[in-house]
Amino acid sequence: QVQLVESGGGLVQAGGSLRLSCPVSGSIFSINTMGWYRQAPGKQRELVATISSGGSTIYADSVKGRFTISRHSAKNTVYLQMNSLKPEDTAVYYCCADVKQSVSTNFFMRYWGQGTQVTVSS
């Protein structure tokens, strides 16, 4: 099995910063894309940022210039540095990873963490 556990969420004032971390553990042969999504109350889950195995990144327009996604391949960990936080960034943040579990497996499966709450006060 594969496990993802987010950490680093919390309560912060507007304009502040937080850094989320998400290590991936378990039965892993390789990891392709890793990413962060978020879900605010009453809203659908939305993309925040993704990063490929080669380091290519994609950001939602709402976070460009404020958030930075990165990964440490040797540690199988993805990070999200969040600066200049706004009240509208308040949500549960979920990490995900596309994992190939063995050399004989010919597909990647997406796994999700349980989420971490980020609350930004005005």
Protein backbone atom coordinates (compact mmCIF):
# COMPACT_ATOMS: atom_id res chain seq x y z
CA GLN A 1 0.00 0.00 0.00
CA VAL A 2 0.90 3.66 -0.37
CA GLN A 3 0.43 6.34 2.27
CA LEU A 4 0.53 10.13 2.07
CA VAL A 5 0.41 12.25 5.20
CA GLU A 6 0.19 16.04 5.00
CA SER A 7 1.59 18.31 7.68
CA GLY A 8 2.18 22.02 8.19
CA GLY A 9 -1.36 23.36 8.13
CA GLY A 10 -2.73 25.70 10.75
CA LEU A 11 -4.12 29.13 11.52
CA VAL A 12 -2.32 32.18 10.14
CA GLN A 13 -3.13 35.86 9.66
CA ALA A 14 -3.59 37.33 6.21
CA GLY A 15 -0.23 38.11 4.66
CA GLY A 16 1.47 35.29 6.54
CA SER A 17 3.14 32.13 5.31
CA LEU A 18 2.87 28.38 5.77
CA ARG A 19 4.80 25.44 4.36
CA LEU A 20 3.02 22.16 3.75
CA SER A 21 4.86 18.85 3.48
CA CYS A 22 3.71 15.46 2.25
CA PRO A 23 5.96 12.40 2.30
CA VAL A 24 4.90 9.36 0.29
CA SER A 25 5.66 5.95 1.81
CA GLY A 26 4.92 2.30 1.23
CA SER A 27 5.21 0.15 -1.86
CA ILE A 28 6.82 2.55 -4.36
CA PHE A 29 8.78 1.83 -7.54
CA SER A 30 8.53 5.32 -8.99
CA ILE A 31 6.49 8.51 -8.65
CA ASN A 32 5.38 10.62 -11.57
CA THR A 33 3.33 13.75 -10.95
CA MET A 34 2.84 15.06 -7.41
CA GLY A 35 0.46 17.82 -6.47
CA TRP A 36 -1.69 19.80 -4.11
CA TYR A 37 -5.44 20.38 -4.27
CA ARG A 38 -7.75 22.19 -1.88
CA GLN A 39 -11.40 22.17 -0.94
CA ALA A 40 -13.16 25.02 0.79
CA PRO A 41 -16.51 24.52 2.58
CA GLY A 42 -19.34 24.17 0.10
CA LYS A 43 -17.00 24.13 -2.88
CA GLN A 44 -15.52 21.47 -5.12
CA ARG A 45 -11.94 20.31 -4.77
CA GLU A 46 -9.69 22.41 -6.98
CA LEU A 47 -6.16 22.22 -8.30
CA VAL A 48 -3.56 24.33 -6.49
CA ALA A 49 -0.32 23.16 -8.10
CA THR A 50 1.37 20.12 -9.62
CA ILE A 51 4.96 19.16 -10.31
CA SER A 52 6.16 16.48 -12.71
CA SER A 53 9.02 14.07 -12.16
CA GLY A 54 11.09 16.36 -14.37
CA GLY A 55 10.25 19.43 -12.32
CA SER A 56 7.70 21.07 -14.60
CA THR A 57 5.08 22.95 -12.61
CA ILE A 58 1.48 24.06 -13.09
CA TYR A 59 -0.29 26.57 -10.84
CA ALA A 60 -3.84 27.75 -10.46
CA ASP A 61 -4.14 31.39 -11.49
CA SER A 62 -5.29 32.31 -7.99
CA VAL A 63 -1.98 31.24 -6.40
CA LYS A 64 0.57 32.19 -9.08
CA GLY A 65 3.32 34.35 -7.65
CA ARG A 66 2.38 33.47 -4.06
CA PHE A 67 2.71 29.67 -3.81
CA THR A 68 5.64 27.48 -4.79
CA ILE A 69 5.51 23.73 -5.23
CA SER A 70 8.68 21.64 -4.97
CA ARG A 71 9.70 18.03 -4.46
CA HIS A 72 12.57 16.08 -2.98
CA SER A 73 12.75 12.95 -5.09
CA ALA A 74 15.08 11.02 -2.80
CA LYS A 75 12.68 11.58 0.10
CA ASN A 76 9.54 11.03 -2.03
CA THR A 77 8.19 14.26 -0.57
CA VAL A 78 6.26 17.16 -2.06
CA TYR A 79 6.12 20.63 -0.51
CA LEU A 80 3.94 23.70 -0.90
CA GLN A 81 5.34 27.04 0.23
CA MET A 82 2.47 29.47 0.67
CA ASN A 83 3.23 33.18 1.02
CA SER A 84 1.03 36.27 1.15
CA LEU A 85 -1.88 34.15 2.29
CA LYS A 86 -5.40 35.48 1.87
CA PRO A 87 -8.64 34.57 3.66
CA GLU A 88 -9.86 32.99 0.41
CA ASP A 89 -7.00 30.48 0.67
CA THR A 90 -8.79 28.92 3.65
CA ALA A 91 -9.47 25.27 2.82
CA VAL A 92 -8.47 21.69 3.47
CA TYR A 93 -5.33 21.02 1.44
CA TYR A 94 -4.76 17.56 -0.01
CA CYS A 95 -1.57 16.18 -1.52
CA CYS A 96 -1.54 13.53 -4.22
CA ALA A 97 0.99 11.40 -6.04
CA ASP A 98 0.89 9.21 -9.14
CA VAL A 99 2.69 6.04 -8.05
CA LYS A 100 3.95 2.99 -9.91
CA GLN A 101 4.24 0.26 -7.30
CA SER A 102 6.51 -2.27 -9.02
CA VAL A 103 8.71 -2.73 -12.09
CA SER A 104 6.14 -5.12 -13.53
CA THR A 105 3.29 -2.60 -13.17
CA ASN A 106 2.61 -0.67 -16.38
CA PHE A 107 0.47 2.11 -14.96
CA PHE A 108 0.54 4.86 -12.34
CA MET A 109 -2.22 5.08 -9.74
CA ARG A 110 -3.12 8.34 -7.97
CA TYR A 111 -3.05 8.27 -4.19
CA TRP A 112 -4.32 10.98 -1.83
CA GLY A 113 -3.53 12.17 1.65
CA GLN A 114 -6.18 12.76 4.31
CA GLY A 115 -5.88 16.55 4.15
CA THR A 116 -4.63 19.33 6.39
CA GLN A 117 -6.62 22.42 7.37
CA VAL A 118 -5.32 25.86 6.44
CA THR A 119 -7.20 28.79 7.93
CA VAL A 120 -6.31 32.40 7.08
CA SER A 121 -7.84 35.09 9.27
CA SER A 122 -8.44 38.63 8.06
